[in-house]
N, C-alpha and C. Protein backbone atom coordinates (compact mmCIF):
# COMPACT_ATOMS: atom_id res chain seq x y z
N UNK A 1 0.82 -1.20 0.00
CA UNK A 1 0.00 0.00 0.00
C UNK A 1 0.86 1.26 0.00
N UNK A 2 1.91 1.28 0.82
CA UNK A 2 2.78 2.45 0.88
C UNK A 2 3.44 2.72 -0.46
N UNK A 3 3.88 1.67 -1.17
CA UNK A 3 4.53 1.85 -2.47
C UNK A 3 3.57 2.45 -3.50
N UNK A 4 2.30 2.06 -3.44
CA UNK A 4 1.32 2.64 -4.36
C UNK A 4 1.20 4.14 -4.12
N UNK A 5 1.17 4.55 -2.87
CA UNK A 5 1.09 5.97 -2.56
C UNK A 5 2.33 6.70 -3.05
N UNK A 6 3.49 6.08 -2.90
CA UNK A 6 4.73 6.70 -3.36
C UNK A 6 4.70 6.88 -4.88
N UNK A 7 4.21 5.87 -5.60
CA UNK A 7 4.15 5.99 -7.05
C UNK A 7 3.19 7.10 -7.46
N UNK A 8 2.06 7.22 -6.79
CA UNK A 8 1.15 8.31 -7.09
C UNK A 8 1.81 9.65 -6.78
N UNK A 9 2.58 9.69 -5.69
CA UNK A 9 3.30 10.90 -5.32
C UNK A 9 4.32 11.30 -6.35
N UNK A 10 5.00 10.31 -6.96
CA UNK A 10 5.98 10.60 -8.01
C UNK A 10 5.35 11.44 -9.10
N UNK A 11 4.15 11.11 -9.47
CA UNK A 11 3.49 11.75 -10.60
C UNK A 11 3.09 13.19 -10.31
N UNK A 12 3.12 13.59 -9.04
CA UNK A 12 2.84 14.99 -8.68
C UNK A 12 4.02 15.90 -8.98
N UNK A 13 5.23 15.34 -9.03
CA UNK A 13 6.46 16.12 -9.10
C UNK A 13 7.19 16.01 -10.43
N UNK A 14 7.20 14.82 -11.01
CA UNK A 14 7.90 14.60 -12.27
C UNK A 14 7.34 13.38 -12.97
N UNK A 15 7.61 13.34 -14.28
CA UNK A 15 7.27 12.17 -15.08
C UNK A 15 8.43 11.91 -16.03
N UNK A 16 8.89 10.67 -16.06
CA UNK A 16 9.96 10.30 -16.98
C UNK A 16 9.37 9.99 -18.35
N UNK A 17 9.97 10.56 -19.39
CA UNK A 17 9.52 10.26 -20.74
C UNK A 17 9.94 8.85 -21.10
N UNK A 18 9.17 8.20 -21.97
CA UNK A 18 9.39 6.78 -22.24
C UNK A 18 10.35 6.51 -23.40
N UNK A 19 11.09 7.51 -23.84
CA UNK A 19 12.11 7.33 -24.87
C UNK A 19 13.41 8.01 -24.45
N UNK A 20 14.51 7.57 -25.03
CA UNK A 20 15.82 8.20 -24.83
C UNK A 20 16.05 9.21 -25.95
N UNK A 21 16.83 10.25 -25.64
CA UNK A 21 17.11 11.31 -26.61
C UNK A 21 18.61 11.57 -26.61
N UNK A 22 19.23 11.46 -27.78
CA UNK A 22 20.67 11.72 -27.92
C UNK A 22 20.83 13.10 -28.53
N UNK A 23 21.54 13.95 -27.84
CA UNK A 23 21.82 15.29 -28.34
C UNK A 23 23.29 15.32 -28.73
N UNK A 24 23.52 15.23 -30.03
CA UNK A 24 24.89 15.12 -30.55
C UNK A 24 25.66 16.43 -30.51
N UNK A 25 24.94 17.53 -30.79
CA UNK A 25 25.65 18.80 -30.92
C UNK A 25 24.71 19.94 -30.56
N UNK A 26 25.27 20.94 -29.90
CA UNK A 26 24.49 22.14 -29.59
C UNK A 26 25.38 23.36 -29.69
N UNK A 27 24.74 24.51 -29.95
CA UNK A 27 25.44 25.79 -30.00
C UNK A 27 24.83 26.72 -28.98
N UNK A 28 25.68 27.30 -28.13
CA UNK A 28 25.20 28.31 -27.19
C UNK A 28 25.15 29.65 -27.91
N UNK A 29 24.06 30.39 -27.67
CA UNK A 29 23.86 31.68 -28.33
C UNK A 29 23.88 32.83 -27.33
N UNK A 30 24.58 32.69 -26.24
CA UNK A 30 24.66 33.75 -25.24
C UNK A 30 23.99 33.36 -23.93
N UNK A 31 24.42 34.04 -22.87
CA UNK A 31 23.90 33.74 -21.54
C UNK A 31 22.49 34.27 -21.36
N UNK A 32 21.63 33.44 -20.79
CA UNK A 32 20.25 33.82 -20.50
C UNK A 32 20.13 34.33 -19.07
N UNK A 33 20.54 33.50 -18.08
CA UNK A 33 20.49 33.89 -16.67
C UNK A 33 21.34 32.90 -15.88
N UNK A 34 21.79 33.34 -14.71
CA UNK A 34 22.55 32.44 -13.84
C UNK A 34 22.16 32.68 -12.40
N UNK A 35 22.29 31.61 -11.61
CA UNK A 35 22.01 31.67 -10.18
C UNK A 35 23.21 31.03 -9.48
N UNK A 36 23.88 31.80 -8.65
CA UNK A 36 25.04 31.26 -7.95
C UNK A 36 25.93 32.39 -7.47
N UNK A 37 27.19 32.06 -7.26
CA UNK A 37 28.14 33.05 -6.76
C UNK A 37 29.45 32.98 -7.53
N UNK A 38 30.10 34.15 -7.65
CA UNK A 38 31.44 34.20 -8.22
C UNK A 38 32.43 33.94 -7.10
N UNK A 39 33.37 33.04 -7.34
CA UNK A 39 34.38 32.70 -6.35
C UNK A 39 35.76 32.91 -6.97
N UNK A 40 36.81 32.84 -6.18
CA UNK A 40 38.17 32.98 -6.74
C UNK A 40 38.49 31.93 -7.80
N UNK A 41 37.80 30.78 -7.76
CA UNK A 41 38.07 29.75 -8.78
C UNK A 41 37.03 29.75 -9.89
N UNK A 42 36.15 30.76 -9.90
CA UNK A 42 35.15 30.87 -10.96
C UNK A 42 33.73 30.82 -10.43
N UNK A 43 32.78 30.85 -11.34
CA UNK A 43 31.36 30.83 -10.99
C UNK A 43 30.96 29.46 -10.44
N UNK A 44 30.17 29.46 -9.40
CA UNK A 44 29.66 28.22 -8.81
C UNK A 44 28.13 28.32 -8.76
N UNK A 45 27.46 27.42 -9.44
CA UNK A 45 26.01 27.44 -9.43
C UNK A 45 25.44 26.86 -10.70
N UNK A 46 24.41 27.53 -11.20
CA UNK A 46 23.69 27.04 -12.36
C UNK A 46 23.56 28.18 -13.38
N UNK A 47 23.87 27.87 -14.63
CA UNK A 47 23.80 28.87 -15.70
C UNK A 47 22.88 28.35 -16.80
N UNK A 48 22.09 29.27 -17.34
CA UNK A 48 21.23 28.96 -18.49
C UNK A 48 21.70 29.81 -19.67
N UNK A 49 21.79 29.17 -20.82
CA UNK A 49 22.20 29.86 -22.05
C UNK A 49 21.14 29.65 -23.12
N UNK A 50 20.99 30.66 -23.99
CA UNK A 50 20.19 30.47 -25.20
C UNK A 50 20.95 29.47 -26.06
N UNK A 51 20.24 28.63 -26.78
CA UNK A 51 20.93 27.61 -27.56
C UNK A 51 20.05 27.00 -28.62
N UNK A 52 20.71 26.28 -29.52
CA UNK A 52 20.04 25.46 -30.54
C UNK A 52 20.81 24.16 -30.63
N UNK A 53 20.10 23.09 -30.96
CA UNK A 53 20.75 21.80 -31.14
C UNK A 53 20.49 21.32 -32.56
N UNK A 54 21.22 20.29 -32.95
CA UNK A 54 20.92 19.65 -34.23
C UNK A 54 19.68 18.77 -34.09
N UNK A 55 19.17 18.64 -32.86
CA UNK A 55 18.02 17.79 -32.58
C UNK A 55 16.77 18.59 -32.22
N UNK A 56 16.74 19.90 -32.46
CA UNK A 56 15.60 20.74 -32.05
C UNK A 56 14.26 20.15 -32.48
N UNK A 57 14.14 19.78 -33.74
CA UNK A 57 12.86 19.27 -34.26
C UNK A 57 12.47 17.96 -33.58
N UNK A 58 13.45 17.09 -33.36
CA UNK A 58 13.17 15.82 -32.68
C UNK A 58 12.69 16.07 -31.25
N UNK A 59 13.32 16.98 -30.55
CA UNK A 59 12.94 17.28 -29.17
C UNK A 59 11.55 17.91 -29.12
N UNK A 60 11.24 18.78 -30.05
CA UNK A 60 9.93 19.44 -30.07
C UNK A 60 8.78 18.47 -30.34
N UNK A 61 9.08 17.31 -30.92
CA UNK A 61 8.02 16.35 -31.24
C UNK A 61 7.33 15.80 -30.00
N UNK A 62 7.91 15.99 -28.82
CA UNK A 62 7.25 15.51 -27.60
C UNK A 62 6.01 16.33 -27.28
N UNK A 63 5.93 17.53 -27.85
CA UNK A 63 4.81 18.45 -27.63
C UNK A 63 3.95 18.48 -28.90
N UNK A 64 2.61 18.49 -28.77
CA UNK A 64 1.78 18.59 -29.97
C UNK A 64 2.14 19.82 -30.81
N UNK A 65 2.04 19.66 -32.11
CA UNK A 65 2.47 20.70 -33.06
C UNK A 65 1.88 22.08 -32.75
N UNK A 66 0.61 22.13 -32.37
CA UNK A 66 -0.05 23.42 -32.14
C UNK A 66 0.46 24.15 -30.89
N UNK A 67 1.26 23.48 -30.05
CA UNK A 67 1.79 24.12 -28.84
C UNK A 67 3.29 24.40 -28.94
N UNK A 68 3.93 24.02 -30.02
CA UNK A 68 5.39 24.17 -30.13
C UNK A 68 5.84 25.62 -30.12
N UNK A 69 4.99 26.52 -30.59
CA UNK A 69 5.36 27.94 -30.57
C UNK A 69 5.38 28.49 -29.14
N UNK A 70 4.82 27.75 -28.20
CA UNK A 70 4.81 28.17 -26.80
C UNK A 70 5.96 27.52 -26.01
N UNK A 71 6.96 27.03 -26.72
CA UNK A 71 8.09 26.36 -26.08
C UNK A 71 9.38 27.10 -26.38
N UNK A 72 10.29 27.10 -25.42
CA UNK A 72 11.62 27.69 -25.62
C UNK A 72 12.68 26.71 -25.14
N UNK A 73 13.85 26.79 -25.76
CA UNK A 73 14.99 25.96 -25.38
C UNK A 73 16.01 26.79 -24.61
N UNK A 74 16.68 26.15 -23.67
CA UNK A 74 17.88 26.72 -23.06
C UNK A 74 18.80 25.57 -22.65
N UNK A 75 20.06 25.89 -22.50
CA UNK A 75 21.03 24.92 -22.02
C UNK A 75 21.28 25.20 -20.56
N UNK A 76 21.10 24.20 -19.70
CA UNK A 76 21.39 24.34 -18.28
C UNK A 76 22.74 23.66 -18.00
N UNK A 77 23.65 24.43 -17.37
CA UNK A 77 24.94 23.89 -16.96
C UNK A 77 25.08 24.13 -15.46
N UNK A 78 25.39 23.07 -14.75
CA UNK A 78 25.44 23.12 -13.30
C UNK A 78 26.78 22.58 -12.83
N UNK A 79 27.43 23.31 -11.92
CA UNK A 79 28.73 22.82 -11.44
C UNK A 79 28.84 22.78 -9.92
N UNK A 80 27.69 22.88 -9.24
CA UNK A 80 27.72 22.92 -7.78
C UNK A 80 26.36 22.46 -7.26
N UNK A 81 26.32 22.10 -6.00
CA UNK A 81 25.05 21.73 -5.38
C UNK A 81 24.08 22.91 -5.42
N UNK A 82 22.82 22.62 -5.74
CA UNK A 82 21.79 23.67 -5.83
C UNK A 82 20.80 23.46 -4.69
N UNK A 83 20.59 24.47 -3.85
CA UNK A 83 19.71 24.31 -2.68
C UNK A 83 18.24 24.19 -3.10
N UNK A 84 17.38 23.77 -2.18
CA UNK A 84 15.95 23.69 -2.50
C UNK A 84 15.43 25.04 -2.97
N UNK A 85 14.68 25.02 -4.06
CA UNK A 85 14.17 26.25 -4.66
C UNK A 85 12.98 25.94 -5.55
N UNK A 86 12.26 26.97 -5.92
CA UNK A 86 11.29 26.89 -7.00
C UNK A 86 11.79 27.80 -8.11
N UNK A 87 11.47 27.45 -9.34
CA UNK A 87 11.93 28.24 -10.48
C UNK A 87 11.06 29.48 -10.68
N UNK A 88 11.60 30.44 -11.37
CA UNK A 88 10.89 31.69 -11.67
C UNK A 88 10.17 31.60 -13.01
N UNK A 89 8.93 32.04 -13.03
CA UNK A 89 8.17 32.25 -14.27
C UNK A 89 7.88 31.00 -15.09
N UNK A 90 7.92 29.82 -14.48
CA UNK A 90 7.66 28.59 -15.23
C UNK A 90 7.20 27.51 -14.26
N UNK A 91 6.32 26.63 -14.74
CA UNK A 91 5.88 25.50 -13.92
C UNK A 91 6.29 24.17 -14.55
N UNK A 92 6.18 24.06 -15.86
CA UNK A 92 6.45 22.79 -16.54
C UNK A 92 7.67 22.92 -17.44
N UNK A 93 8.62 22.02 -17.22
CA UNK A 93 9.85 22.04 -18.02
C UNK A 93 10.28 20.60 -18.27
N UNK A 94 10.81 20.35 -19.47
CA UNK A 94 11.35 19.03 -19.79
C UNK A 94 12.87 19.17 -19.84
N UNK A 95 13.55 18.36 -19.06
CA UNK A 95 15.01 18.31 -19.10
C UNK A 95 15.44 17.10 -19.91
N UNK A 96 16.22 17.35 -20.98
CA UNK A 96 16.82 16.30 -21.79
C UNK A 96 18.29 16.24 -21.36
N UNK A 97 18.66 15.20 -20.63
CA UNK A 97 19.98 15.15 -19.99
C UNK A 97 21.09 14.73 -20.95
N UNK A 98 22.14 15.55 -20.99
CA UNK A 98 23.33 15.28 -21.78
C UNK A 98 24.41 14.65 -20.89
N UNK A 99 24.71 15.30 -19.77
CA UNK A 99 25.63 14.80 -18.75
C UNK A 99 24.92 14.90 -17.41
N UNK A 100 25.07 13.90 -16.57
CA UNK A 100 24.35 13.94 -15.29
C UNK A 100 25.27 13.90 -14.08
N UNK A 101 26.47 13.37 -14.22
CA UNK A 101 27.45 13.33 -13.14
C UNK A 101 26.87 12.71 -11.87
N UNK A 102 25.96 11.76 -12.03
CA UNK A 102 25.34 11.04 -10.90
C UNK A 102 24.69 11.96 -9.87
N UNK A 103 24.16 13.09 -10.32
CA UNK A 103 23.46 13.99 -9.40
C UNK A 103 22.04 13.49 -9.15
N UNK A 104 21.53 13.81 -7.98
CA UNK A 104 20.16 13.47 -7.61
C UNK A 104 19.31 14.73 -7.67
N UNK A 105 18.15 14.63 -8.30
CA UNK A 105 17.15 15.69 -8.24
C UNK A 105 16.19 15.30 -7.12
N UNK A 106 16.18 16.09 -6.06
CA UNK A 106 15.37 15.82 -4.87
C UNK A 106 14.20 16.79 -4.84
N UNK A 107 12.99 16.26 -4.72
CA UNK A 107 11.80 17.10 -4.56
C UNK A 107 11.38 17.11 -3.10
N UNK A 108 10.66 18.15 -2.73
CA UNK A 108 10.16 18.34 -1.37
C UNK A 108 8.67 18.64 -1.45
N UNK A 109 7.95 18.25 -0.40
CA UNK A 109 6.53 18.59 -0.35
C UNK A 109 6.38 20.10 -0.27
N UNK A 110 5.34 20.64 -0.92
CA UNK A 110 5.14 22.11 -0.83
C UNK A 110 5.02 22.54 0.63
N UNK A 111 5.77 23.57 1.01
CA UNK A 111 5.78 24.00 2.42
C UNK A 111 4.57 24.87 2.78
N UNK A 112 4.33 24.96 4.09
CA UNK A 112 3.32 25.88 4.58
C UNK A 112 3.78 27.32 4.31
N UNK A 113 2.85 28.24 4.36
CA UNK A 113 3.18 29.65 4.12
C UNK A 113 4.14 30.23 5.15
N UNK A 114 4.19 29.62 6.35
CA UNK A 114 5.04 30.18 7.41
C UNK A 114 6.50 29.70 7.33
N UNK A 115 6.83 28.86 6.35
CA UNK A 115 8.21 28.39 6.20
C UNK A 115 9.06 29.52 5.63
N UNK A 116 10.20 29.82 6.27
CA UNK A 116 11.06 30.91 5.78
C UNK A 116 11.55 30.64 4.36
N UNK A 117 11.61 31.69 3.58
CA UNK A 117 12.09 31.61 2.20
C UNK A 117 12.80 32.91 1.87
N UNK A 118 13.63 32.85 0.86
CA UNK A 118 14.32 34.07 0.44
C UNK A 118 14.43 34.08 -1.07
N UNK A 119 14.63 35.25 -1.61
CA UNK A 119 14.85 35.40 -3.04
C UNK A 119 16.19 36.08 -3.28
N UNK A 120 16.82 35.69 -4.37
CA UNK A 120 18.01 36.40 -4.79
C UNK A 120 17.59 37.42 -5.84
N UNK A 121 18.46 38.33 -6.15
CA UNK A 121 18.12 39.49 -6.97
C UNK A 121 17.42 39.20 -8.29
N UNK A 122 17.79 38.12 -8.98
CA UNK A 122 17.22 37.90 -10.31
C UNK A 122 16.07 36.89 -10.31
N UNK A 123 15.56 36.54 -9.14
CA UNK A 123 14.38 35.69 -9.09
C UNK A 123 13.13 36.57 -9.13
N UNK A 124 12.09 36.08 -9.80
CA UNK A 124 10.83 36.82 -9.84
C UNK A 124 9.86 36.17 -8.84
N UNK A 125 9.17 35.12 -9.27
CA UNK A 125 8.28 34.43 -8.34
C UNK A 125 8.91 33.17 -7.76
N UNK A 126 10.12 32.83 -8.15
CA UNK A 126 10.83 31.70 -7.57
C UNK A 126 11.38 32.08 -6.21
N UNK A 127 11.75 31.06 -5.43
CA UNK A 127 12.27 31.31 -4.09
C UNK A 127 13.23 30.21 -3.67
N UNK A 128 14.02 30.48 -2.66
CA UNK A 128 14.98 29.52 -2.12
C UNK A 128 14.54 29.16 -0.70
N UNK A 129 14.72 27.90 -0.33
CA UNK A 129 14.33 27.40 0.99
C UNK A 129 15.54 26.81 1.70
N UNK A 130 15.50 26.80 3.02
CA UNK A 130 16.47 26.06 3.82
C UNK A 130 15.93 24.65 3.96
N UNK A 131 16.76 23.67 3.60
CA UNK A 131 16.30 22.28 3.58
C UNK A 131 15.74 21.81 4.92
N UNK A 132 16.25 22.35 6.02
CA UNK A 132 15.80 21.93 7.34
C UNK A 132 14.33 22.21 7.62
N UNK A 133 13.72 23.11 6.85
CA UNK A 133 12.31 23.44 7.03
C UNK A 133 11.39 22.63 6.11
N UNK A 134 11.97 21.80 5.26
CA UNK A 134 11.20 21.08 4.26
C UNK A 134 11.16 19.58 4.55
N UNK A 135 10.12 18.94 4.04
CA UNK A 135 10.01 17.48 4.13
C UNK A 135 10.32 16.89 2.76
N UNK A 136 11.30 15.97 2.73
CA UNK A 136 11.69 15.35 1.45
C UNK A 136 10.55 14.51 0.90
N UNK A 137 10.44 14.55 -0.40
CA UNK A 137 9.46 13.73 -1.11
C UNK A 137 10.24 12.74 -1.97
N UNK A 138 9.97 12.71 -3.26
CA UNK A 138 10.59 11.76 -4.17
C UNK A 138 11.85 12.35 -4.80
N UNK A 139 12.66 11.48 -5.38
CA UNK A 139 13.88 11.93 -6.05
C UNK A 139 14.19 10.97 -7.20
N UNK A 140 15.08 11.42 -8.07
CA UNK A 140 15.53 10.55 -9.15
C UNK A 140 16.96 10.89 -9.51
N UNK A 141 17.63 9.94 -10.15
CA UNK A 141 18.98 10.14 -10.67
C UNK A 141 18.90 9.87 -12.18
N UNK A 142 18.92 10.92 -12.95
CA UNK A 142 18.82 10.79 -14.41
C UNK A 142 20.14 10.25 -14.96
N UNK A 143 20.05 9.63 -16.11
CA UNK A 143 21.20 9.15 -16.87
C UNK A 143 21.25 9.89 -18.20
N UNK A 144 22.42 10.02 -18.81
CA UNK A 144 22.48 10.67 -20.12
C UNK A 144 21.49 10.02 -21.10
N UNK A 145 20.75 10.86 -21.82
CA UNK A 145 19.73 10.36 -22.74
C UNK A 145 18.33 10.35 -22.15
N UNK A 146 18.23 10.38 -20.82
CA UNK A 146 16.92 10.42 -20.18
C UNK A 146 16.28 11.79 -20.37
N UNK A 147 14.97 11.82 -20.30
CA UNK A 147 14.21 13.07 -20.34
C UNK A 147 13.13 13.00 -19.27
N UNK A 148 12.99 14.08 -18.51
CA UNK A 148 12.00 14.17 -17.45
C UNK A 148 11.21 15.46 -17.59
N UNK A 149 9.90 15.34 -17.42
CA UNK A 149 9.03 16.51 -17.28
C UNK A 149 8.97 16.80 -15.79
N UNK A 150 9.31 18.04 -15.40
CA UNK A 150 9.38 18.42 -13.99
C UNK A 150 8.36 19.50 -13.67
N UNK A 151 7.82 19.44 -12.45
CA UNK A 151 7.01 20.54 -11.92
C UNK A 151 7.94 21.40 -11.08
N UNK A 152 8.51 22.44 -11.70
CA UNK A 152 9.51 23.26 -11.03
C UNK A 152 8.88 24.36 -10.17
N UNK A 153 7.54 24.32 -10.05
CA UNK A 153 6.88 25.21 -9.09
C UNK A 153 6.88 24.59 -7.69
N UNK A 154 7.32 23.33 -7.61
CA UNK A 154 7.46 22.66 -6.33
C UNK A 154 8.94 22.68 -5.93
N UNK A 155 9.23 22.80 -4.63
CA UNK A 155 10.64 22.87 -4.21
C UNK A 155 11.43 21.64 -4.67
N UNK A 156 12.61 21.88 -5.18
CA UNK A 156 13.50 20.81 -5.63
C UNK A 156 14.94 21.29 -5.51
N UNK A 157 15.85 20.34 -5.39
CA UNK A 157 17.28 20.66 -5.29
C UNK A 157 18.05 19.69 -6.16
N UNK A 158 19.33 20.00 -6.38
CA UNK A 158 20.23 19.10 -7.10
C UNK A 158 21.38 18.78 -6.16
N UNK A 159 21.57 17.48 -5.91
CA UNK A 159 22.55 17.02 -4.94
C UNK A 159 23.60 16.16 -5.65
N UNK A 160 24.84 16.63 -5.72
CA UNK A 160 25.91 15.80 -6.29
C UNK A 160 26.20 14.60 -5.39
N UNK A 161 26.56 13.49 -6.00
CA UNK A 161 26.94 12.31 -5.22
C UNK A 161 28.45 12.08 -5.28
N UNK A 162 29.14 12.82 -6.15
CA UNK A 162 30.59 12.69 -6.28
C UNK A 162 31.26 13.93 -5.68
N UNK A 163 32.48 13.76 -5.20
CA UNK A 163 33.22 14.90 -4.66
C UNK A 163 33.82 15.71 -5.81
N UNK A 164 34.19 16.94 -5.52
CA UNK A 164 34.79 17.79 -6.53
C UNK A 164 33.74 18.57 -7.31
N UNK A 165 34.18 19.20 -8.38
CA UNK A 165 33.29 20.00 -9.22
C UNK A 165 32.30 19.09 -9.95
N UNK A 166 31.07 19.56 -10.02
CA UNK A 166 30.02 18.84 -10.72
C UNK A 166 29.99 19.28 -12.18
N UNK A 167 29.66 18.36 -13.07
CA UNK A 167 29.53 18.67 -14.50
C UNK A 167 28.22 18.07 -14.98
N UNK A 168 27.15 18.85 -14.90
CA UNK A 168 25.82 18.39 -15.28
C UNK A 168 25.26 19.33 -16.34
N UNK A 169 24.78 18.74 -17.45
CA UNK A 169 24.25 19.55 -18.55
C UNK A 169 22.97 18.91 -19.05
N UNK A 170 22.02 19.78 -19.39
CA UNK A 170 20.81 19.29 -20.05
C UNK A 170 20.21 20.40 -20.89
N UNK A 171 19.47 19.98 -21.90
CA UNK A 171 18.67 20.91 -22.69
C UNK A 171 17.32 21.00 -21.99
N UNK A 172 16.90 22.22 -21.71
CA UNK A 172 15.61 22.47 -21.05
C UNK A 172 14.62 22.96 -22.09
N UNK A 173 13.48 22.32 -22.13
CA UNK A 173 12.38 22.74 -22.99
C UNK A 173 11.28 23.28 -22.08
N UNK A 174 11.15 24.59 -22.05
CA UNK A 174 10.13 25.22 -21.23
C UNK A 174 8.82 25.23 -21.99
N UNK A 175 7.76 24.77 -21.31
CA UNK A 175 6.43 24.80 -21.89
C UNK A 175 5.72 25.97 -21.24
N UNK A 176 5.67 27.07 -21.97
CA UNK A 176 5.16 28.33 -21.41
C UNK A 176 3.65 28.31 -21.23
N UNK A 177 3.19 28.97 -20.18
CA UNK A 177 1.76 29.18 -19.92
C UNK A 177 0.97 27.89 -19.72
N UNK A 178 1.63 26.81 -19.32
CA UNK A 178 0.95 25.55 -19.05
C UNK A 178 1.31 25.08 -17.65
N UNK A 179 0.31 24.55 -16.96
CA UNK A 179 0.58 23.94 -15.66
C UNK A 179 1.27 22.59 -15.88
N UNK A 180 1.80 22.03 -14.82
CA UNK A 180 2.42 20.71 -14.92
C UNK A 180 1.39 19.69 -15.39
N UNK A 181 0.19 19.71 -14.81
CA UNK A 181 -0.86 18.74 -15.19
C UNK A 181 -1.24 18.89 -16.65
N UNK A 182 -1.32 20.13 -17.14
CA UNK A 182 -1.62 20.35 -18.56
C UNK A 182 -0.49 19.81 -19.43
N UNK A 183 0.76 20.01 -18.99
CA UNK A 183 1.91 19.51 -19.75
C UNK A 183 1.91 17.99 -19.79
N UNK A 184 1.54 17.35 -18.68
CA UNK A 184 1.45 15.88 -18.66
C UNK A 184 0.47 15.43 -19.74
N UNK A 185 -0.69 16.06 -19.82
CA UNK A 185 -1.70 15.68 -20.83
C UNK A 185 -1.18 15.88 -22.25
N UNK A 186 -0.44 16.98 -22.46
CA UNK A 186 0.13 17.21 -23.78
C UNK A 186 1.08 16.08 -24.17
N UNK A 187 1.94 15.67 -23.26
CA UNK A 187 2.91 14.62 -23.56
C UNK A 187 2.27 13.23 -23.61
N UNK A 188 1.16 13.05 -22.93
CA UNK A 188 0.41 11.80 -23.08
C UNK A 188 -0.22 11.74 -24.47
N UNK A 189 -0.69 12.88 -24.96
CA UNK A 189 -1.33 12.90 -26.28
C UNK A 189 -0.34 12.58 -27.40
N UNK A 190 0.94 12.88 -27.20
CA UNK A 190 1.96 12.56 -28.21
C UNK A 190 2.59 11.19 -27.97
N UNK A 191 2.22 10.54 -26.86
CA UNK A 191 2.71 9.20 -26.57
C UNK A 191 4.06 9.13 -25.86
N UNK A 192 4.57 10.29 -25.40
CA UNK A 192 5.89 10.28 -24.75
C UNK A 192 5.81 10.07 -23.23
N UNK A 193 4.60 10.17 -22.67
CA UNK A 193 4.38 9.84 -21.26
C UNK A 193 3.26 8.81 -21.23
N UNK A 194 3.51 7.73 -20.51
CA UNK A 194 2.49 6.69 -20.36
C UNK A 194 1.46 7.14 -19.33
N UNK A 195 0.24 6.62 -19.49
CA UNK A 195 -0.83 6.96 -18.53
C UNK A 195 -0.50 6.47 -17.13
């Protein structure tokens, strides 16, 4: 019984796509936004860049044709642990993983309104949480070629499992103006998410 509840809980936070995606080549077209800190050894955190891949059309096929104009691509590069947070200005995003470096994506149950939170300068409606105030939910460890639809309006973090600098990259497909549940239905209609 407990496992059934856990599986239902998984579907509240993320859904794994049922196909693998190989991204052979991509071009960065400039920095979009970054979250982190500059240190004496360089930037530590997460950076998003505008980009195009040789696989753009293949990746867009996961979304019905009439919604593709509401999607944007970016390249996410991460080199450090990312604390629990919610993303700004987006709820549904598909990550197509290029390199994963054995990192864990950890989700947390949505907190009560009285849980302390903070924002950094370039966040809009996203926020950062102290993990000690949150209750862990489900997590996953993606492998290169995997693709996951994430509800980034729910608190989540990225936890490296290896020591040293992290090297994690993925192509992010943002589905604009759609809730996570609406995005799930879109990907079910194209056959990339099982019921």
